[in-house]
């Protein structure tokens, strides 16, 4: 996950993260991702596939 906006609070299971501007988070398994109260947030999901 890549954050190009203001700070974004996310939770994956019981782990919590604060992504600042231009921070990224690599998630390498199927999990539930929760974005906590971020009005105006715009998101994009990117999937990397080995060639």
PDB file of N, CA and C in Angstrom:
ATOM      1  N   UNK A   1       0.850  -1.149   0.000  1.00  0.00           N
ATOM      2  CA  UNK A   1       0.000   0.000   0.000  1.00  0.00           C
ATOM      3  C   UNK A   1       0.903   1.220   0.000  1.00  0.00           C
ATOM      4  N   UNK A   2       0.547   2.220  -0.790  1.00  0.00           N
ATOM      5  CA  UNK A   2       1.340   3.443  -0.901  1.00  0.00           C
ATOM      6  C   UNK A   2       0.446   4.625  -0.557  1.00  0.00           C
ATOM      7  N   UNK A   3       0.910   5.482   0.331  1.00  0.00           N
ATOM      8  CA  UNK A   3       0.131   6.643   0.747  1.00  0.00           C
ATOM      9  C   UNK A   3       0.734   7.907   0.143  1.00  0.00           C
ATOM     10  N   UNK A   4       0.018   8.530  -0.786  1.00  0.00           N
ATOM     11  CA  UNK A   4       0.487   9.767  -1.396  1.00  0.00           C
ATOM     12  C   UNK A   4      -0.234  10.985  -0.825  1.00  0.00           C
ATOM     13  N   UNK A   5      -1.070  10.775   0.175  1.00  0.00           N
ATOM     14  CA  UNK A   5      -1.827  11.875   0.766  1.00  0.00           C
ATOM     15  C   UNK A   5      -1.359  12.179   2.171  1.00  0.00           C
ATOM     16  N   UNK A   6      -2.220  12.796   2.967  1.00  0.00           N
ATOM     17  CA  UNK A   6      -1.877  13.079   4.359  1.00  0.00           C
ATOM     18  C   UNK A   6      -1.782  11.783   5.164  1.00  0.00           C
ATOM     19  N   UNK A   7      -1.417  11.884   6.422  1.00  0.00           N
ATOM     20  CA  UNK A   7      -1.249  10.704   7.282  1.00  0.00           C
ATOM     21  C   UNK A   7      -2.489   9.815   7.243  1.00  0.00           C
ATOM     22  N   UNK A   8      -2.251   8.510   7.238  1.00  0.00           N
ATOM     23  CA  UNK A   8      -3.318   7.530   7.110  1.00  0.00           C
ATOM     24  C   UNK A   8      -3.109   6.447   8.160  1.00  0.00           C
ATOM     25  N   UNK A   9      -4.116   6.206   8.993  1.00  0.00           N
ATOM     26  CA  UNK A   9      -4.037   5.152  10.007  1.00  0.00           C
ATOM     27  C   UNK A   9      -4.683   3.892   9.449  1.00  0.00           C
ATOM     28  N   UNK A  10      -3.932   2.789   9.486  1.00  0.00           N
ATOM     29  CA  UNK A  10      -4.452   1.520   8.989  1.00  0.00           C
ATOM     30  C   UNK A  10      -4.226   0.428  10.024  1.00  0.00           C
ATOM     31  N   UNK A  11      -5.084  -0.571   9.996  1.00  0.00           N
ATOM     32  CA  UNK A  11      -4.955  -1.743  10.862  1.00  0.00           C
ATOM     33  C   UNK A  11      -4.992  -2.987   9.999  1.00  0.00           C
ATOM     34  N   UNK A  12      -4.122  -3.932  10.335  1.00  0.00           N
ATOM     35  CA  UNK A  12      -4.121  -5.250   9.713  1.00  0.00           C
ATOM     36  C   UNK A  12      -4.123  -6.235  10.867  1.00  0.00           C
ATOM     37  N   UNK A  13      -5.267  -6.880  11.076  1.00  0.00           N
ATOM     38  CA  UNK A  13      -5.407  -7.734  12.262  1.00  0.00           C
ATOM     39  C   UNK A  13      -5.257  -6.886  13.513  1.00  0.00           C
ATOM     40  N   UNK A  14      -4.355  -7.283  14.417  1.00  0.00           N
ATOM     41  CA  UNK A  14      -4.146  -6.502  15.645  1.00  0.00           C
ATOM     42  C   UNK A  14      -2.967  -5.535  15.526  1.00  0.00           C
ATOM     43  N   UNK A  15      -2.368  -5.431  14.345  1.00  0.00           N
ATOM     44  CA  UNK A  15      -1.253  -4.506  14.115  1.00  0.00           C
ATOM     45  C   UNK A  15      -1.790  -3.183  13.576  1.00  0.00           C
ATOM     46  N   UNK A  16      -1.286  -2.078  14.118  1.00  0.00           N
ATOM     47  CA  UNK A  16      -1.708  -0.751  13.659  1.00  0.00           C
ATOM     48  C   UNK A  16      -0.513   0.011  13.119  1.00  0.00           C
ATOM     49  N   UNK A  17      -0.758   0.780  12.069  1.00  0.00           N
ATOM     50  CA  UNK A  17       0.307   1.526  11.410  1.00  0.00           C
ATOM     51  C   UNK A  17      -0.165   2.945  11.129  1.00  0.00           C
ATOM     52  N   UNK A  18       0.779   3.871  11.122  1.00  0.00           N
ATOM     53  CA  UNK A  18       0.509   5.240  10.701  1.00  0.00           C
ATOM     54  C   UNK A  18       1.386   5.495   9.484  1.00  0.00           C
ATOM     55  N   UNK A  19       0.761   5.625   8.333  1.00  0.00           N
ATOM     56  CA  UNK A  19       1.500   5.900   7.105  1.00  0.00           C
ATOM     57  C   UNK A  19       1.515   7.404   6.879  1.00  0.00           C
ATOM     58  N   UNK A  20       2.693   7.978   6.887  1.00  0.00           N
ATOM     59  CA  UNK A  20       2.842   9.402   6.601  1.00  0.00           C
ATOM     60  C   UNK A  20       2.877   9.591   5.082  1.00  0.00           C
ATOM     61  N   UNK A  21       2.991  10.834   4.653  1.00  0.00           N
ATOM     62  CA  UNK A  21       3.034  11.170   3.226  1.00  0.00           C
ATOM     63  C   UNK A  21       4.172  10.411   2.545  1.00  0.00           C
ATOM     64  N   UNK A  22       3.868   9.679   1.491  1.00  0.00           N
ATOM     65  CA  UNK A  22       4.791   8.868   0.690  1.00  0.00           C
ATOM     66  C   UNK A  22       5.332   7.637   1.413  1.00  0.00           C
ATOM     67  N   UNK A  23       4.714   7.201   2.490  1.00  0.00           N
ATOM     68  CA  UNK A  23       5.083   5.932   3.123  1.00  0.00           C
ATOM     69  C   UNK A  23       4.414   4.787   2.377  1.00  0.00           C
ATOM     70  N   UNK A  24       4.980   3.597   2.526  1.00  0.00           N
ATOM     71  CA  UNK A  24       4.368   2.421   1.915  1.00  0.00           C
ATOM     72  C   UNK A  24       4.354   1.278   2.915  1.00  0.00           C
ATOM     73  N   UNK A  25       3.490   0.321   2.666  1.00  0.00           N
ATOM     74  CA  UNK A  25       3.335  -0.847   3.529  1.00  0.00           C
ATOM     75  C   UNK A  25       3.144  -2.050   2.620  1.00  0.00           C
ATOM     76  N   UNK A  26       4.010  -3.052   2.764  1.00  0.00           N
ATOM     77  CA  UNK A  26       3.920  -4.262   1.954  1.00  0.00           C
ATOM     78  C   UNK A  26       3.177  -5.325   2.740  1.00  0.00           C
ATOM     79  N   UNK A  27       2.113  -5.845   2.153  1.00  0.00           N
ATOM     80  CA  UNK A  27       1.316  -6.910   2.770  1.00  0.00           C
ATOM     81  C   UNK A  27       1.429  -8.113   1.844  1.00  0.00           C
ATOM     82  N   UNK A  28       2.007  -9.208   2.345  1.00  0.00           N
ATOM     83  CA  UNK A  28       2.287 -10.348   1.468  1.00  0.00           C
ATOM     84  C   UNK A  28       1.368 -11.543   1.683  1.00  0.00           C
ATOM     85  N   UNK A  29       0.180 -11.297   2.221  1.00  0.00           N
ATOM     86  CA  UNK A  29      -0.802 -12.368   2.380  1.00  0.00           C
ATOM     87  C   UNK A  29      -2.200 -11.766   2.328  1.00  0.00           C
ATOM     88  N   UNK A  30      -3.193 -12.615   2.146  1.00  0.00           N
ATOM     89  CA  UNK A  30      -4.578 -12.139   2.105  1.00  0.00           C
ATOM     90  C   UNK A  30      -5.028 -11.818   3.529  1.00  0.00           C
ATOM     91  N   UNK A  31      -5.307 -10.561   3.793  1.00  0.00           N
ATOM     92  CA  UNK A  31      -5.730 -10.109   5.120  1.00  0.00           C
ATOM     93  C   UNK A  31      -6.796  -9.027   4.966  1.00  0.00           C
ATOM     94  N   UNK A  32      -7.475  -8.745   6.065  1.00  0.00           N
ATOM     95  CA  UNK A  32      -8.426  -7.631   6.088  1.00  0.00           C
ATOM     96  C   UNK A  32      -7.658  -6.371   6.472  1.00  0.00           C
ATOM     97  N   UNK A  33      -7.786  -5.361   5.662  1.00  0.00           N
ATOM     98  CA  UNK A  33      -7.122  -4.084   5.895  1.00  0.00           C
ATOM     99  C   UNK A  33      -8.194  -3.070   6.265  1.00  0.00           C
ATOM    100  N   UNK A  34      -8.036  -2.393   7.391  1.00  0.00           N
ATOM    101  CA  UNK A  34      -9.013  -1.405   7.842  1.00  0.00           C
ATOM    102  C   UNK A  34      -8.352  -0.035   7.827  1.00  0.00           C
ATOM    103  N   UNK A  35      -8.992   0.910   7.166  1.00  0.00           N
ATOM    104  CA  UNK A  35      -8.510   2.287   7.151  1.00  0.00           C
ATOM    105  C   UNK A  35      -9.367   3.065   8.120  1.00  0.00           C
ATOM    106  N   UNK A  36      -8.719   3.658   9.117  1.00  0.00           N
ATOM    107  CA  UNK A  36      -9.439   4.293  10.213  1.00  0.00           C
ATOM    108  C   UNK A  36      -9.720   5.759   9.925  1.00  0.00           C
ATOM    109  N   UNK A  37     -10.985   6.118   9.898  1.00  0.00           N
ATOM    110  CA  UNK A  37     -11.465   7.497   9.835  1.00  0.00           C
ATOM    111  C   UNK A  37     -10.538   8.458   9.095  1.00  0.00           C
ATOM    112  N   UNK A  38     -10.500   8.340   7.792  1.00  0.00           N
ATOM    113  CA  UNK A  38      -9.662   9.215   6.972  1.00  0.00           C
ATOM    114  C   UNK A  38     -10.520   9.895   5.915  1.00  0.00           C
ATOM    115  N   UNK A  39     -11.228  10.973   6.303  1.00  0.00           N
ATOM    116  CA  UNK A  39     -12.100  11.653   5.350  1.00  0.00           C
ATOM    117  C   UNK A  39     -11.306  12.161   4.145  1.00  0.00           C
ATOM    118  N   UNK A  40     -11.851  11.963   2.984  1.00  0.00           N
ATOM    119  CA  UNK A  40     -11.211  12.454   1.770  1.00  0.00           C
ATOM    120  C   UNK A  40     -10.072  11.582   1.263  1.00  0.00           C
ATOM    121  N   UNK A  41      -9.822  10.445   1.899  1.00  0.00           N
ATOM    122  CA  UNK A  41      -8.731   9.568   1.453  1.00  0.00           C
ATOM    123  C   UNK A  41      -9.072   8.962   0.101  1.00  0.00           C
ATOM    124  N   UNK A  42      -8.079   8.887  -0.772  1.00  0.00           N
ATOM    125  CA  UNK A  42      -8.224   8.226  -2.067  1.00  0.00           C
ATOM    126  C   UNK A  42      -7.229   7.079  -2.095  1.00  0.00           C
ATOM    127  N   UNK A  43      -7.698   5.910  -2.465  1.00  0.00           N
ATOM    128  CA  UNK A  43      -6.870   4.712  -2.379  1.00  0.00           C
ATOM    129  C   UNK A  43      -6.749   4.015  -3.719  1.00  0.00           C
ATOM    130  N   UNK A  44      -5.629   3.330  -3.893  1.00  0.00           N
ATOM    131  CA  UNK A  44      -5.427   2.466  -5.053  1.00  0.00           C
ATOM    132  C   UNK A  44      -4.730   1.207  -4.570  1.00  0.00           C
ATOM    133  N   UNK A  45      -5.161   0.077  -5.085  1.00  0.00           N
ATOM    134  CA  UNK A  45      -4.512  -1.185  -4.744  1.00  0.00           C
ATOM    135  C   UNK A  45      -3.608  -1.573  -5.905  1.00  0.00           C
ATOM    136  N   UNK A  46      -2.388  -1.975  -5.577  1.00  0.00           N
ATOM    137  CA  UNK A  46      -1.432  -2.400  -6.588  1.00  0.00           C
ATOM    138  C   UNK A  46      -1.041  -3.831  -6.276  1.00  0.00           C
ATOM    139  N   UNK A  47      -1.130  -4.699  -7.267  1.00  0.00           N
ATOM    140  CA  UNK A  47      -0.736  -6.092  -7.090  1.00  0.00           C
ATOM    141  C   UNK A  47       0.500  -6.359  -7.936  1.00  0.00           C
ATOM    142  N   UNK A  48       1.566  -6.862  -7.298  1.00  0.00           N
ATOM    143  CA  UNK A  48       2.793  -7.202  -8.008  1.00  0.00           C
ATOM    144  C   UNK A  48       2.751  -8.679  -8.366  1.00  0.00           C
ATOM    145  N   UNK A  49       2.985  -8.983  -9.620  1.00  0.00           N
ATOM    146  CA  UNK A  49       2.945 -10.359 -10.101  1.00  0.00           C
ATOM    147  C   UNK A  49       4.311 -10.695 -10.693  1.00  0.00           C
ATOM    148  N   UNK A  50       4.941 -11.808 -10.243  1.00  0.00           N
ATOM    149  CA  UNK A  50       6.245 -12.168 -10.813  1.00  0.00           C
ATOM    150  C   UNK A  50       6.113 -12.494 -12.307  1.00  0.00           C
ATOM    151  N   UNK A  51       7.086 -12.080 -13.077  1.00  0.00           N
ATOM    152  CA  UNK A  51       7.069 -12.340 -14.527  1.00  0.00           C
ATOM    153  C   UNK A  51       7.911 -13.542 -14.867  1.00  0.00           C
TER     154      UNK A  51
END
